[in-house]
Amino acid sequence: MAGGVGVLATALATSVLLAPAAGATTTTTDGVNSAYAIAAKGLLGIDPSPYVTDEKGFEQKSLATLNVPGLAQVKLLNASAGAGQARASVADVNVGLGVGKPLLTATAIEAECEGGKGTSSLAKAKLGDITLDVTAPTNTTVAVPGLLSVVLNKQTKKDDGSITVTAISIKIDNLQTLDIASVTCAPGDDDNGGGETPTTKPTTSTSKPGTSTPTSTKTSSGGGAGSGAGDKPDANGKAPRPTPVKAHLDVTG
C-alpha cells in the first residue's frame, strides 16, 4: 500500500470525474433502519462507529472525536435511527493516509434516509485539489485509475426496497476502504400499514319489523247480502246497477 499511497497525492490533481453509475442491488435485508458515522476495512480497521439501529426503538449515539493515526481524524460523530428514518454525520474531517497532503477534508459530511429514499451533503469538502459539490449526483465516482476510487452519494438498493446511502466511500489500491456517514432505511409503507378494511353500513328499513300495510275491503252501502263487483263503479264512473235479491213475502188475508 505504501507505494500506491506515495503516488496518491500527486495523482489526485489529475484524477478523473466519472458520470454517475447505476446503484448495485443486493439480497441482504434486515428490515430495520440503521446508521453509523464512519467505518473502515483493510490494513487499518474501524468498526462502524457510532452504530445504531431501531430494531428495539429509536436509538441515538455520539462520539466527540475519533483518531486513527495514518488513516483519519474526525470530530462530532453522530448517528440516529428510528421513526422510519436514519441519519449520520461527522465534522472536521481529515483523511490523511500517512501522506503529507490530506486526501480528503471537509467541515461536515452528512447522510440521511427515510422510507426507502436517501440523500447526502458535504460542506467545504475537498478531495486532494478537487472541490466537491455540496450535493453530488447519486453514485458519482472520482477515480485515479489503479490507485483510488471515491464514490460520492453512494446509494445501494436492496431487493426488498430498502436503501443504503453512504456520503463518501473510498477504496484505495484494493487494500483499504473507508466509509463516512452511512445510513440504511427500510422501504416506506405505501399501503398505510394495512389498516382496517372499511365496512358497509346495513340498509335501514323504513317499516317496523312484524308489521304490514293494512288493506281495506269495501262493503255495499245497501246493507244487502250481495257485495263485490256490483258495489264498485264502472269504468265510466257510473253507479253500479242494483243486484236483485229474491225474497218471499207472506200474504195475509
Protein backbone atom coordinates (compact mmCIF):
# COMPACT_ATOMS: atom_id res chain seq x y z
CA MET A 1 0.00 0.00 0.00
CA ALA A 2 2.87 2.37 0.74
CA GLY A 3 3.88 2.64 -2.91
CA GLY A 4 0.34 3.39 -4.03
CA VAL A 5 -0.26 5.94 -1.30
CA GLY A 6 3.02 7.68 -2.03
CA VAL A 7 1.82 8.45 -5.55
CA LEU A 8 -1.69 9.32 -4.39
CA ALA A 9 -1.19 12.99 -3.51
CA THR A 10 0.15 13.96 -6.93
CA ALA A 11 -2.23 11.67 -8.78
CA LEU A 12 -5.26 13.37 -7.26
CA ALA A 13 -4.50 16.53 -9.22
CA THR A 14 -5.14 14.60 -12.45
CA SER A 15 -8.00 12.43 -11.21
CA VAL A 16 -10.97 11.75 -13.43
CA LEU A 17 -14.57 12.66 -12.55
CA LEU A 18 -16.81 9.92 -13.90
CA ALA A 19 -20.52 10.02 -14.63
CA PRO A 20 -22.84 8.56 -12.00
CA ALA A 21 -23.07 4.79 -12.15
CA ALA A 22 -26.16 2.70 -11.55
CA GLY A 23 -26.61 1.58 -7.96
CA ALA A 24 -25.97 -2.06 -7.18
CA THR A 25 -28.69 -4.39 -5.95
CA THR A 26 -28.07 -6.86 -3.15
CA THR A 27 -30.16 -9.53 -1.48
CA THR A 28 -29.23 -8.60 2.09
CA THR A 29 -32.04 -7.23 4.21
CA ASP A 30 -32.56 -6.71 7.92
CA GLY A 31 -35.92 -4.92 7.87
CA VAL A 32 -34.76 -2.13 10.21
CA ASN A 33 -33.20 1.33 9.93
CA SER A 34 -29.56 1.84 10.93
CA ALA A 35 -26.74 4.36 10.76
CA TYR A 36 -23.05 4.89 11.52
CA ALA A 37 -20.67 7.83 11.13
CA ILE A 38 -17.51 6.05 9.99
CA ALA A 39 -16.16 2.56 9.22
CA ALA A 40 -13.01 1.16 7.63
CA LYS A 41 -11.67 -2.21 6.46
CA GLY A 42 -8.22 -3.30 5.29
CA LEU A 43 -4.77 -2.59 6.68
CA LEU A 44 -6.41 -0.24 9.17
CA GLY A 45 -9.84 -1.10 10.53
CA ILE A 46 -12.59 0.88 12.21
CA ASP A 47 -15.74 -0.80 13.42
CA PRO A 48 -18.89 1.12 12.40
CA SER A 49 -18.86 3.97 14.93
CA PRO A 50 -21.09 5.03 16.48
CA TYR A 51 -23.51 2.38 15.22
CA VAL A 52 -27.26 2.50 15.89
CA THR A 53 -30.35 0.55 14.83
CA ASP A 54 -34.05 0.98 15.57
CA GLU A 55 -34.67 -2.74 15.97
CA LYS A 56 -35.76 -2.06 19.58
CA GLY A 57 -36.95 1.51 19.03
CA PHE A 58 -35.35 4.89 18.41
CA GLU A 59 -31.61 4.99 19.14
CA GLN A 60 -29.03 7.78 19.02
CA LYS A 61 -25.31 7.80 19.77
CA SER A 62 -22.48 10.33 19.56
CA LEU A 63 -18.70 10.49 19.81
CA ALA A 64 -16.71 13.66 20.40
CA THR A 65 -13.74 12.59 18.30
CA LEU A 66 -12.15 9.59 16.60
CA ASN A 67 -8.48 9.49 15.59
CA VAL A 68 -6.85 6.60 13.71
CA PRO A 69 -3.22 7.59 13.03
CA GLY A 70 -2.30 7.11 9.40
CA LEU A 71 -5.92 6.94 8.29
CA ALA A 72 -8.39 9.55 9.51
CA GLN A 73 -9.33 12.05 12.16
CA VAL A 74 -12.95 13.19 12.59
CA LYS A 75 -14.99 15.01 15.21
CA LEU A 76 -18.61 15.24 16.35
CA LEU A 77 -19.67 11.82 15.13
CA ASN A 78 -23.46 11.37 15.32
CA ALA A 79 -25.84 8.57 14.33
CA SER A 80 -29.57 8.09 14.90
CA ALA A 81 -32.24 5.69 13.67
CA GLY A 82 -35.96 5.40 14.33
CA ALA A 83 -39.43 6.54 13.30
CA GLY A 84 -38.84 5.31 9.75
CA GLN A 85 -35.62 7.27 9.18
CA ALA A 86 -31.87 7.31 9.85
CA ARG A 87 -29.17 9.99 9.93
CA ALA A 88 -25.37 10.06 10.26
CA SER A 89 -22.95 12.99 10.32
CA VAL A 90 -19.35 13.95 11.08
CA ALA A 91 -17.43 17.24 11.31
CA ASP A 92 -13.86 18.47 10.80
CA VAL A 93 -12.91 15.51 8.60
CA ASN A 94 -9.25 14.91 7.74
CA VAL A 95 -8.33 11.74 5.86
CA GLY A 96 -4.54 11.68 5.50
CA LEU A 97 -3.47 8.11 4.73
CA GLY A 98 0.03 8.85 6.02
CA VAL A 99 0.95 11.31 3.28
CA GLY A 100 1.80 14.94 3.78
CA LYS A 101 -1.15 16.34 1.90
CA PRO A 102 -4.64 15.33 3.14
CA LEU A 103 -6.56 13.12 0.80
CA LEU A 104 -9.95 14.41 1.98
CA THR A 105 -11.01 17.37 4.10
CA ALA A 106 -14.47 18.68 4.97
CA THR A 107 -16.10 20.78 7.65
CA ALA A 108 -19.16 18.50 7.64
CA ILE A 109 -20.44 15.35 5.94
CA GLU A 110 -23.98 14.02 6.34
CA ALA A 111 -26.26 11.28 5.03
CA GLU A 112 -29.92 10.62 5.78
CA CYS A 113 -32.74 8.43 4.53
CA GLU A 114 -36.44 7.87 5.07
CA GLY A 115 -38.88 5.33 3.63
CA GLY A 116 -36.51 3.87 1.03
CA LYS A 117 -35.19 7.24 -0.20
CA GLY A 118 -31.95 8.97 0.77
CA THR A 119 -29.68 11.97 0.29
CA SER A 120 -26.23 13.15 1.35
CA SER A 121 -24.47 16.51 1.61
CA LEU A 122 -20.95 17.90 2.00
CA ALA A 123 -19.76 21.20 3.46
CA LYS A 124 -16.49 22.72 2.22
CA ALA A 125 -15.25 19.33 1.09
CA LYS A 126 -12.10 18.80 -0.97
CA LEU A 127 -10.65 15.61 -2.40
CA GLY A 128 -7.00 16.48 -2.96
CA ASP A 129 -7.18 19.58 -5.15
CA ILE A 130 -10.76 18.91 -6.22
CA THR A 131 -13.53 20.94 -4.60
CA LEU A 132 -16.62 18.78 -4.15
CA ASP A 133 -20.17 19.98 -4.66
CA VAL A 134 -22.47 20.28 -1.66
CA THR A 135 -24.82 17.70 -3.18
CA ALA A 136 -23.37 15.23 -5.65
CA PRO A 137 -25.50 13.23 -8.09
CA THR A 138 -26.16 9.66 -6.98
CA ASN A 139 -23.13 7.36 -7.29
CA THR A 140 -20.70 9.97 -8.63
CA THR A 141 -17.20 8.50 -8.90
CA VAL A 142 -13.86 10.29 -8.68
CA ALA A 143 -11.11 7.91 -9.81
CA VAL A 144 -7.35 7.64 -10.07
CA PRO A 145 -7.04 4.52 -12.26
CA GLY A 146 -5.20 1.72 -10.47
CA LEU A 147 -4.93 3.64 -7.20
CA LEU A 148 -8.07 5.25 -5.89
CA SER A 149 -11.83 5.17 -6.28
CA VAL A 150 -14.09 7.57 -4.38
CA VAL A 151 -17.88 7.34 -4.69
CA LEU A 152 -19.90 10.37 -3.61
CA ASN A 153 -23.53 9.97 -2.53
CA LYS A 154 -23.25 6.21 -2.95
CA GLN A 155 -26.71 4.61 -2.98
CA THR A 156 -27.36 0.88 -3.00
CA LYS A 157 -30.85 -0.54 -3.48
CA LYS A 158 -31.74 -3.90 -1.97
CA ASP A 159 -34.23 -6.42 -3.30
CA ASP A 160 -36.74 -5.63 -0.55
CA GLY A 161 -36.84 -1.92 -1.49
CA SER A 162 -34.59 -0.69 1.32
CA ILE A 163 -31.68 1.61 0.58
CA THR A 164 -28.17 2.28 1.92
CA VAL A 165 -26.72 5.76 1.42
CA THR A 166 -23.04 6.50 2.09
CA ALA A 167 -21.97 10.11 1.73
CA ILE A 168 -18.36 9.22 0.83
CA SER A 169 -16.99 5.75 0.13
CA ILE A 170 -13.23 5.46 -0.51
CA LYS A 171 -11.37 2.44 -1.87
CA ILE A 172 -7.58 2.60 -2.14
CA ASP A 173 -5.38 0.26 -4.15
CA ASN A 174 -7.67 -2.71 -3.30
CA LEU A 175 -6.15 -2.69 0.19
CA GLN A 176 -8.19 -0.18 2.17
CA THR A 177 -11.79 1.04 2.31
CA LEU A 178 -13.26 3.93 4.27
CA ASP A 179 -16.95 4.84 4.52
CA ILE A 180 -18.08 8.14 6.01
CA ALA A 181 -21.70 8.86 7.06
CA SER A 182 -23.70 5.78 6.10
CA VAL A 183 -27.41 5.09 6.67
CA THR A 184 -29.84 2.31 5.78
CA CYS A 185 -33.64 2.64 5.63
CA ALA A 186 -36.37 0.08 5.11
CA PRO A 187 -38.90 0.78 2.35
CA GLY A 188 -41.84 3.05 3.04
CA ASP A 189 -45.29 1.68 3.95
CA ASP A 190 -47.27 2.60 0.82
CA ASP A 191 -50.47 0.86 1.92
CA ASN A 192 -50.73 2.72 5.21
CA GLY A 193 -49.82 -0.30 7.26
CA GLY A 194 -52.68 -2.42 6.01
CA GLY A 195 -55.26 -0.51 8.02
CA GLU A 196 -58.76 -1.66 8.80
CA THR A 197 -60.96 -2.59 5.89
CA PRO A 198 -63.97 -0.24 5.65
CA THR A 199 -67.28 -1.88 6.47
CA THR A 200 -70.62 -1.21 4.76
CA LYS A 201 -73.44 0.00 6.96
CA PRO A 202 -76.58 -2.17 6.73
CA THR A 203 -79.53 -0.70 4.91
CA THR A 204 -82.19 0.61 7.32
CA SER A 205 -85.73 -0.38 6.55
CA THR A 206 -88.45 2.29 6.87
CA SER A 207 -91.03 -0.18 8.11
CA LYS A 208 -91.06 -1.77 11.51
CA PRO A 209 -90.43 -5.50 11.82
CA GLY A 210 -93.56 -7.65 12.15
CA THR A 211 -95.93 -5.06 10.64
CA SER A 212 -97.65 -5.00 7.28
CA THR A 213 -99.63 -2.43 5.39
CA PRO A 214 -103.35 -2.94 6.16
CA THR A 215 -105.83 -3.41 3.33
CA SER A 216 -109.48 -2.25 3.39
CA THR A 217 -112.49 -4.04 1.98
CA LYS A 218 -115.41 -2.03 0.69
CA THR A 219 -118.86 -3.15 1.66
CA SER A 220 -122.17 -2.43 -0.02
CA SER A 221 -123.94 0.61 1.32
CA GLY A 222 -127.25 -1.01 0.58
CA GLY A 223 -126.94 -3.39 3.55
CA GLY A 224 -127.91 -6.34 1.33
CA ALA A 225 -126.37 -9.72 1.18
CA GLY A 226 -124.57 -9.11 -2.12
CA SER A 227 -121.24 -7.39 -2.23
CA GLY A 228 -118.26 -7.46 -4.57
CA ALA A 229 -118.07 -6.34 -8.18
CA GLY A 230 -121.57 -4.89 -8.12
CA ASP A 231 -120.57 -2.43 -5.38
CA LYS A 232 -117.86 -0.75 -7.46
CA PRO A 233 -118.41 1.99 -10.04
CA ASP A 234 -117.93 1.02 -13.66
CA ALA A 235 -115.20 2.32 -15.93
CA ASN A 236 -117.23 5.48 -16.70
CA GLY A 237 -117.69 6.34 -13.04
CA LYS A 238 -121.41 5.50 -13.03
CA ALA A 239 -123.07 3.92 -10.03
CA PRO A 240 -123.41 0.18 -10.24
CA ARG A 241 -126.70 -1.42 -11.13
CA PRO A 242 -128.51 -2.94 -8.11
CA THR A 243 -128.46 -6.68 -7.83
CA PRO A 244 -131.92 -8.21 -7.45
CA VAL A 245 -132.41 -10.27 -4.35
CA LYS A 246 -135.11 -12.92 -4.26
CA ALA A 247 -137.30 -12.83 -1.17
CA HIS A 248 -140.61 -14.47 0.00
CA LEU A 249 -143.27 -12.20 1.42
CA ASP A 250 -146.11 -13.65 3.42
CA VAL A 251 -149.61 -12.58 2.27
CA THR A 252 -152.26 -12.17 4.90
CA GLY A 253 -155.97 -12.03 4.43
